[in-house]
Amino acid sequence: MRFSHETLPQRVVFAPGEAPTAAAAEVAGLKATKVMLIAGPAESALADRVAADLPVAVRHDEVVMHVPVDVADRARKAATEGAVDALVCVGGGSTTGLAKAVALTTGLPIVAVPTTYAGSEATNVWGLTEGEVKTTGVDPRVLPRSVVYDASLMLSLPVEMSVASGLNALAHCVDSMWAPRADPIDRALAGEGIRGLARGLPAVAADPTGLEGREQTLYGAYLAAVAFASAGSGMHHKICHVLGGMFNLPHAQTHAVVLPHVLAFNAPAAPEAERRIAQGFGSPTAVAGLAALREALDAPRALRDYGMPEDGIARAVAPVLAAVPADNPTALTEENLTALLRAAWEGSDPE
């Protein structure tokens, strides 16, 4: 057994029902006195709760999916003009992504308070979109110093969005089994993340007002993100980044649709990873386990339902081929990639 594993330096606080107190304590720990609060209009009420005890100097609500460069530039300007010394973001992946964009150029510390299961808060990965191209990178400046997880903030997240967001987290686990830097620690974290998500998501669907399902899902999503931050971006995420940037597709739903197709594509060539994924689901096979979970959750099925045009299949092939790691378990060709994208676009069963 020979590998190198890097554990990212981050403080994580699970505090159900106590986000305002916990967030204030994390900001105080940074000795920050002028905070920029980043939260989109949809999260305004939640942000009001979280920020009750924070020294907010600037409040910024222009949050846009995939973080367009011009949106990032305006947020950076607001932070500079406000002379803030810390960022607090309350929201999902797009909100965290905007805070990361500000931190990337300013070096300001982030306290992240997630309201979805996106997982971006636990990674040092940033993403910016310009035109139809989404660019991602890795930088220690964008890793939030602290994360406050409060499952009660998830109670207002509708079941449909919870399912898509949770399956996005599950995609982090699956990609972490065979991504370029995947190691045994990543696989162990990802396997436990799958178990938490497979247990938590059906509970959320059955009882949206219950905390236990939300907590289990949040626990699984965090482990998924930690594994992904170490393992790197594999075939699944490269596909979704290309499609999201080219066609402005909703992030979580795109991941939820593409995931079963990538799993079915790679699993036969990665038997150890397949076994771990199956164990996480408590299923005889990985593909069957994911299929059963998706059926129970009425998961998103087709990319065409979210705005991807049919001619986008052919347009996406070359950029995806260029982006997918060379060591992907199953060799990728123009032909089999086209078949995979078409199946995901149509919503047909994975081959």
Protein backbone atom coordinates (compact mmCIF):
# COMPACT_ATOMS: atom_id res chain seq x y z
CA MET A 1 0.00 0.00 0.00
CA ARG A 2 1.74 3.14 -1.22
CA PHE A 3 0.01 6.53 -1.49
CA SER A 4 0.07 10.17 -0.36
CA HIS A 5 -2.98 11.75 1.22
CA GLU A 6 -3.51 15.41 2.12
CA THR A 7 -6.08 16.35 4.76
CA LEU A 8 -7.31 19.91 4.30
CA PRO A 9 -7.10 22.24 7.34
CA GLN A 10 -10.65 23.20 8.22
CA ARG A 11 -12.81 23.50 11.32
CA VAL A 12 -16.22 21.82 11.05
CA VAL A 13 -19.05 22.43 13.50
CA PHE A 14 -22.25 20.38 13.51
CA ALA A 15 -24.71 22.50 15.50
CA PRO A 16 -28.38 21.60 14.89
CA GLY A 17 -30.57 24.60 15.65
CA GLU A 18 -27.60 26.73 16.70
CA ALA A 19 -26.26 28.28 13.49
CA PRO A 20 -26.40 31.92 14.71
CA THR A 21 -24.36 31.20 17.85
CA ALA A 22 -21.97 28.86 16.07
CA ALA A 23 -21.36 31.25 13.16
CA ALA A 24 -20.72 34.14 15.55
CA ALA A 25 -18.21 32.04 17.46
CA GLU A 26 -16.36 31.11 14.26
CA VAL A 27 -16.20 34.75 13.14
CA ALA A 28 -14.96 35.77 16.57
CA GLY A 29 -12.30 33.07 16.32
CA LEU A 30 -11.03 34.79 13.18
CA LYS A 31 -10.95 38.11 15.09
CA ALA A 32 -13.06 39.57 12.29
CA THR A 33 -15.00 42.79 12.93
CA LYS A 34 -16.40 43.67 9.49
CA VAL A 35 -18.15 40.81 7.74
CA MET A 36 -19.45 40.58 4.19
CA LEU A 37 -22.60 38.44 4.28
CA ILE A 38 -23.24 36.65 0.98
CA ALA A 39 -26.70 35.16 0.47
CA GLY A 40 -29.06 35.17 -2.50
CA PRO A 41 -32.62 36.46 -2.29
CA ALA A 42 -34.02 32.95 -1.80
CA GLU A 43 -31.88 32.51 1.34
CA SER A 44 -32.58 35.99 2.72
CA ALA A 45 -34.70 34.82 5.66
CA LEU A 46 -32.21 32.10 6.61
CA ALA A 47 -29.37 34.60 6.33
CA ASP A 48 -31.21 36.96 8.67
CA ARG A 49 -31.28 34.19 11.28
CA VAL A 50 -27.66 33.20 10.85
CA ALA A 51 -26.41 36.79 10.89
CA ALA A 52 -28.25 37.84 14.04
CA ASP A 53 -25.05 38.07 16.08
CA LEU A 54 -22.57 38.90 13.30
CA PRO A 55 -20.80 42.23 12.68
CA VAL A 56 -22.18 42.59 9.14
CA ALA A 57 -20.71 45.57 7.27
CA VAL A 58 -21.69 44.55 3.72
CA ARG A 59 -24.59 42.42 2.56
CA HIS A 60 -24.34 41.03 -0.97
CA ASP A 61 -27.19 39.15 -2.66
CA GLU A 62 -26.18 38.85 -6.33
CA VAL A 63 -25.74 35.09 -6.50
CA VAL A 64 -25.81 33.43 -9.94
CA MET A 65 -25.46 29.77 -10.85
CA HIS A 66 -21.99 28.70 -12.10
CA VAL A 67 -20.50 32.03 -10.85
CA PRO A 68 -20.12 34.15 -14.00
CA VAL A 69 -16.90 36.19 -14.03
CA ASP A 70 -18.70 39.54 -14.10
CA VAL A 71 -20.77 38.56 -11.05
CA ALA A 72 -17.59 37.56 -9.23
CA ASP A 73 -15.95 40.87 -10.11
CA ARG A 74 -18.84 42.86 -8.64
CA ALA A 75 -18.70 40.86 -5.42
CA ARG A 76 -14.94 41.39 -5.19
CA LYS A 77 -15.44 45.12 -5.66
CA ALA A 78 -18.07 45.21 -2.91
CA ALA A 79 -15.71 43.41 -0.53
CA THR A 80 -12.86 45.80 -1.28
CA GLU A 81 -14.95 48.94 -1.02
CA GLY A 82 -16.46 47.72 2.24
CA ALA A 83 -13.01 47.00 3.70
CA VAL A 84 -14.34 43.74 5.14
CA ASP A 85 -12.11 41.26 6.96
CA ALA A 86 -14.16 38.06 6.59
CA LEU A 87 -16.82 36.47 4.40
CA VAL A 88 -19.85 34.57 5.68
CA CYS A 89 -21.85 32.75 3.02
CA VAL A 90 -25.31 31.31 3.67
CA GLY A 91 -26.71 29.18 0.86
CA GLY A 92 -25.95 26.40 -1.59
CA GLY A 93 -23.10 25.71 -3.96
CA SER A 94 -23.53 28.88 -6.01
CA THR A 95 -23.36 31.03 -2.88
CA THR A 96 -20.31 29.23 -1.57
CA GLY A 97 -18.80 29.46 -5.05
CA LEU A 98 -19.20 33.23 -5.07
CA ALA A 99 -17.53 33.53 -1.67
CA LYS A 100 -14.68 31.41 -3.01
CA ALA A 101 -14.34 33.71 -6.02
CA VAL A 102 -13.93 36.67 -3.66
CA ALA A 103 -11.46 34.79 -1.46
CA LEU A 104 -9.44 33.74 -4.50
CA THR A 105 -8.37 37.32 -5.25
CA THR A 106 -8.61 38.92 -1.80
CA GLY A 107 -7.41 36.17 0.53
CA LEU A 108 -10.33 36.87 2.89
CA PRO A 109 -11.30 33.97 5.19
CA ILE A 110 -14.66 32.28 4.68
CA VAL A 111 -17.13 30.94 7.22
CA ALA A 112 -19.58 28.81 5.24
CA VAL A 113 -23.10 28.01 6.41
CA PRO A 114 -24.58 25.61 3.84
CA THR A 115 -28.31 25.31 3.18
CA THR A 116 -28.03 22.45 0.65
CA TYR A 117 -25.95 19.28 0.34
CA ALA A 118 -23.64 20.69 -2.37
CA GLY A 119 -20.39 20.04 -0.47
CA SER A 120 -18.45 22.92 -2.02
CA GLU A 121 -17.81 24.25 1.48
CA ALA A 122 -15.46 21.35 2.26
CA THR A 123 -13.27 21.66 -0.83
CA ASN A 124 -10.48 23.93 -2.08
CA VAL A 125 -11.96 23.90 -5.59
CA TRP A 126 -13.22 27.07 -7.25
CA GLY A 127 -15.21 27.50 -10.48
CA LEU A 128 -15.93 30.48 -12.72
CA THR A 129 -17.90 30.68 -15.95
CA GLU A 130 -17.26 32.97 -18.90
CA GLY A 131 -19.38 32.57 -22.01
CA GLU A 132 -20.04 28.85 -22.38
CA VAL A 133 -16.84 27.76 -20.66
CA LYS A 134 -16.64 26.83 -16.98
CA THR A 135 -13.11 26.91 -15.59
CA THR A 136 -12.23 25.21 -12.31
CA GLY A 137 -9.09 25.24 -10.24
CA VAL A 138 -7.63 24.38 -6.85
CA ASP A 139 -6.32 27.00 -4.44
CA PRO A 140 -5.90 26.92 -0.64
CA ARG A 141 -7.26 30.46 -0.35
CA VAL A 142 -10.78 29.35 -1.29
CA LEU A 143 -11.11 26.62 1.35
CA PRO A 144 -13.48 27.97 4.04
CA ARG A 145 -11.73 28.28 7.40
CA SER A 146 -14.87 27.05 9.14
CA VAL A 147 -18.09 25.32 8.19
CA VAL A 148 -21.22 25.47 10.32
CA TYR A 149 -23.67 22.67 9.61
CA ASP A 150 -27.13 23.21 11.04
CA ALA A 151 -29.62 20.64 9.78
CA SER A 152 -32.54 22.87 10.78
CA LEU A 153 -31.53 25.24 7.97
CA MET A 154 -32.28 22.42 5.52
CA LEU A 155 -35.91 22.02 6.58
CA SER A 156 -37.09 24.65 4.10
CA LEU A 157 -35.27 22.95 1.21
CA PRO A 158 -38.03 21.25 -0.82
CA VAL A 159 -37.86 17.48 -1.16
CA GLU A 160 -37.31 17.67 -4.93
CA MET A 161 -34.30 19.94 -4.49
CA SER A 162 -33.06 17.92 -1.51
CA VAL A 163 -33.06 14.82 -3.70
CA ALA A 164 -31.12 16.50 -6.50
CA SER A 165 -28.65 18.07 -4.08
CA GLY A 166 -28.17 14.80 -2.20
CA LEU A 167 -27.52 12.91 -5.44
CA ASN A 168 -24.99 15.57 -6.35
CA ALA A 169 -23.25 14.71 -3.07
CA LEU A 170 -23.48 11.03 -3.97
CA ALA A 171 -21.69 11.83 -7.22
CA HIS A 172 -18.78 13.16 -5.15
CA CYS A 173 -18.57 9.76 -3.46
CA VAL A 174 -18.67 7.82 -6.71
CA ASP A 175 -16.10 9.99 -8.47
CA SER A 176 -13.84 9.71 -5.40
CA MET A 177 -13.55 5.97 -5.97
CA TRP A 178 -11.58 6.37 -9.22
CA ALA A 179 -10.61 10.03 -9.64
CA PRO A 180 -6.96 10.85 -10.49
CA ARG A 181 -5.74 11.19 -6.87
CA ALA A 182 -8.08 8.63 -5.25
CA ASP A 183 -6.50 6.70 -2.38
CA PRO A 184 -7.70 4.22 0.27
CA ILE A 185 -8.64 7.01 2.70
CA ASP A 186 -10.76 8.74 0.06
CA ARG A 187 -12.50 5.45 -0.73
CA ALA A 188 -13.21 4.80 2.95
CA LEU A 189 -14.71 8.27 3.40
CA ALA A 190 -16.71 7.96 0.18
CA GLY A 191 -18.07 4.55 1.17
CA GLU A 192 -19.32 5.90 4.49
CA GLY A 193 -20.68 8.95 2.68
CA ILE A 194 -22.73 6.70 0.42
CA ARG A 195 -24.08 4.89 3.46
CA GLY A 196 -25.14 8.16 5.10
CA LEU A 197 -26.76 9.50 1.94
CA ALA A 198 -28.53 6.23 1.15
CA ARG A 199 -29.97 6.25 4.66
CA GLY A 200 -30.70 9.96 4.92
CA LEU A 201 -32.30 10.83 1.58
CA PRO A 202 -35.23 8.37 1.81
CA ALA A 203 -35.87 9.66 5.34
CA VAL A 204 -35.97 13.23 4.02
CA ALA A 205 -38.43 12.21 1.31
CA ALA A 206 -40.61 10.35 3.82
CA ASP A 207 -40.56 13.08 6.48
CA PRO A 208 -39.34 16.45 5.15
CA THR A 209 -39.83 18.10 8.54
CA GLY A 210 -37.75 15.54 10.43
CA LEU A 211 -34.22 16.41 11.50
CA GLU A 212 -32.76 12.90 11.54
CA GLY A 213 -32.94 12.40 7.78
CA ARG A 214 -31.52 15.87 7.18
CA GLU A 215 -28.66 15.23 9.59
CA GLN A 216 -27.74 11.89 8.03
CA THR A 217 -27.81 13.43 4.56
CA LEU A 218 -25.68 16.35 5.73
CA TYR A 219 -23.20 13.96 7.34
CA GLY A 220 -22.95 11.94 4.13
CA ALA A 221 -22.61 15.07 2.00
CA TYR A 222 -19.74 16.35 4.14
CA LEU A 223 -17.83 13.05 3.91
CA ALA A 224 -18.47 13.02 0.17
CA ALA A 225 -16.98 16.49 -0.21
CA VAL A 226 -13.91 15.69 1.90
CA ALA A 227 -13.24 12.59 -0.21
CA PHE A 228 -13.75 14.53 -3.42
CA ALA A 229 -11.43 17.36 -2.34
CA SER A 230 -8.63 14.83 -1.94
CA ALA A 231 -9.38 12.49 -4.84
CA GLY A 232 -9.95 15.16 -7.47
CA SER A 233 -12.43 15.45 -10.29
CA GLY A 234 -13.19 12.31 -12.27
CA MET A 235 -15.21 11.53 -15.37
CA HIS A 236 -18.59 12.38 -13.86
CA HIS A 237 -17.65 15.87 -12.76
CA LYS A 238 -15.81 16.66 -15.97
CA ILE A 239 -18.96 15.81 -17.95
CA CYS A 240 -21.18 17.89 -15.68
CA HIS A 241 -18.85 20.90 -15.69
CA VAL A 242 -18.78 20.92 -19.48
CA LEU A 243 -22.56 20.56 -19.79
CA GLY A 244 -23.30 23.08 -17.05
CA GLY A 245 -21.04 25.70 -18.59
CA MET A 246 -22.15 25.15 -22.18
CA PHE A 247 -25.90 25.04 -21.59
CA ASN A 248 -26.38 26.79 -18.23
CA LEU A 249 -27.94 23.66 -16.75
CA PRO A 250 -28.93 23.51 -13.07
CA HIS A 251 -25.98 22.07 -11.17
CA ALA A 252 -27.56 19.53 -8.83
CA GLN A 253 -30.08 18.17 -11.32
CA THR A 254 -27.38 17.72 -13.96
CA HIS A 255 -25.30 15.65 -11.56
CA ALA A 256 -28.34 13.63 -10.51
CA VAL A 257 -29.15 12.75 -14.13
CA VAL A 258 -25.63 11.93 -15.30
CA LEU A 259 -24.54 9.86 -12.27
CA PRO A 260 -26.20 6.50 -13.05
CA HIS A 261 -24.82 6.56 -16.58
CA VAL A 262 -21.24 7.15 -15.42
CA LEU A 263 -21.55 4.50 -12.72
CA ALA A 264 -22.82 1.91 -15.20
CA PHE A 265 -20.05 2.91 -17.62
CA ASN A 266 -17.15 2.62 -15.16
CA ALA A 267 -18.23 -0.03 -12.65
CA PRO A 268 -17.38 -3.12 -14.76
CA ALA A 269 -13.77 -1.93 -15.10
CA ALA A 270 -13.35 -1.01 -11.41
CA PRO A 271 -14.37 -4.09 -9.37
CA GLU A 272 -12.97 -2.93 -6.02
CA ALA A 273 -14.69 0.45 -6.30
CA GLU A 274 -17.88 -1.26 -7.45
CA ARG A 275 -17.83 -3.49 -4.37
CA ARG A 276 -17.35 -0.54 -2.01
CA ILE A 277 -20.19 1.41 -3.64
CA ALA A 278 -22.49 -1.62 -3.45
CA GLN A 279 -21.65 -2.03 0.25
CA GLY A 280 -22.51 1.60 0.89
CA PHE A 281 -25.93 1.02 -0.62
CA GLY A 282 -26.33 -2.37 1.10
CA SER A 283 -27.01 -3.81 -2.34
CA PRO A 284 -25.67 -6.76 -4.36
CA THR A 285 -24.30 -4.38 -7.01
CA ALA A 286 -23.49 -0.70 -7.22
CA VAL A 287 -25.72 -0.10 -10.24
CA ALA A 288 -28.67 -1.86 -8.61
CA GLY A 289 -28.16 0.06 -5.37
CA LEU A 290 -28.19 3.43 -7.08
CA ALA A 291 -31.15 2.45 -9.26
CA ALA A 292 -33.19 1.42 -6.21
CA LEU A 293 -32.37 4.66 -4.40
CA ARG A 294 -33.25 6.77 -7.43
CA GLU A 295 -36.54 4.90 -7.85
CA ALA A 296 -37.44 5.47 -4.21
CA LEU A 297 -36.64 9.18 -4.53
CA ASP A 298 -38.22 9.80 -7.95
CA ALA A 299 -34.89 11.28 -9.03
CA PRO A 300 -34.31 13.56 -12.04
CA ARG A 301 -33.99 11.48 -15.21
CA ALA A 302 -33.33 13.46 -18.38
CA LEU A 303 -31.06 16.36 -19.32
CA ARG A 304 -33.59 17.54 -21.87
CA ASP A 305 -35.96 18.27 -18.98
CA TYR A 306 -33.51 20.93 -17.75
CA GLY A 307 -32.87 22.78 -20.99
CA MET A 308 -30.13 20.90 -22.78
CA PRO A 309 -30.76 20.94 -26.56
CA GLU A 310 -30.49 17.70 -28.53
CA ASP A 311 -27.74 19.12 -30.74
CA GLY A 312 -25.80 19.75 -27.53
CA ILE A 313 -24.92 16.06 -27.41
CA ALA A 314 -22.62 16.34 -30.42
CA ARG A 315 -21.33 19.75 -29.33
CA ALA A 316 -20.29 18.45 -25.91
CA VAL A 317 -18.36 15.37 -27.08
CA ALA A 318 -15.05 17.02 -27.94
CA PRO A 319 -14.81 19.20 -24.79
CA VAL A 320 -15.68 16.24 -22.57
CA LEU A 321 -13.14 13.98 -24.28
CA ALA A 322 -10.51 16.66 -23.67
CA ALA A 323 -11.46 17.03 -20.00
CA VAL A 324 -11.90 13.45 -18.73
CA PRO A 325 -8.77 12.06 -16.99
CA ALA A 326 -6.73 9.64 -19.07
CA ASP A 327 -6.81 7.02 -16.30
CA ASN A 328 -10.60 6.72 -16.21
CA PRO A 329 -11.44 3.03 -15.53
CA THR A 330 -13.19 2.55 -18.88
CA ALA A 331 -11.56 3.98 -21.99
CA LEU A 332 -13.60 6.82 -23.42
CA THR A 333 -14.25 7.13 -27.15
CA GLU A 334 -16.33 9.47 -29.24
CA GLU A 335 -18.78 6.63 -29.86
CA ASN A 336 -19.35 5.44 -26.30
CA LEU A 337 -19.40 8.99 -24.92
CA THR A 338 -22.03 9.99 -27.48
CA ALA A 339 -24.13 7.00 -26.43
CA LEU A 340 -23.79 7.92 -22.75
CA LEU A 341 -24.74 11.56 -23.34
CA ARG A 342 -27.72 10.58 -25.47
CA ALA A 343 -28.99 8.19 -22.81
CA ALA A 344 -28.66 10.93 -20.19
CA TRP A 345 -30.37 13.44 -22.48
CA GLU A 346 -33.26 11.07 -23.21
CA GLY A 347 -33.55 9.75 -19.68
CA SER A 348 -33.26 6.12 -20.79
CA ASP A 349 -31.89 3.41 -18.52
CA PRO A 350 -28.08 3.29 -18.26
CA GLU A 351 -26.43 0.62 -20.38
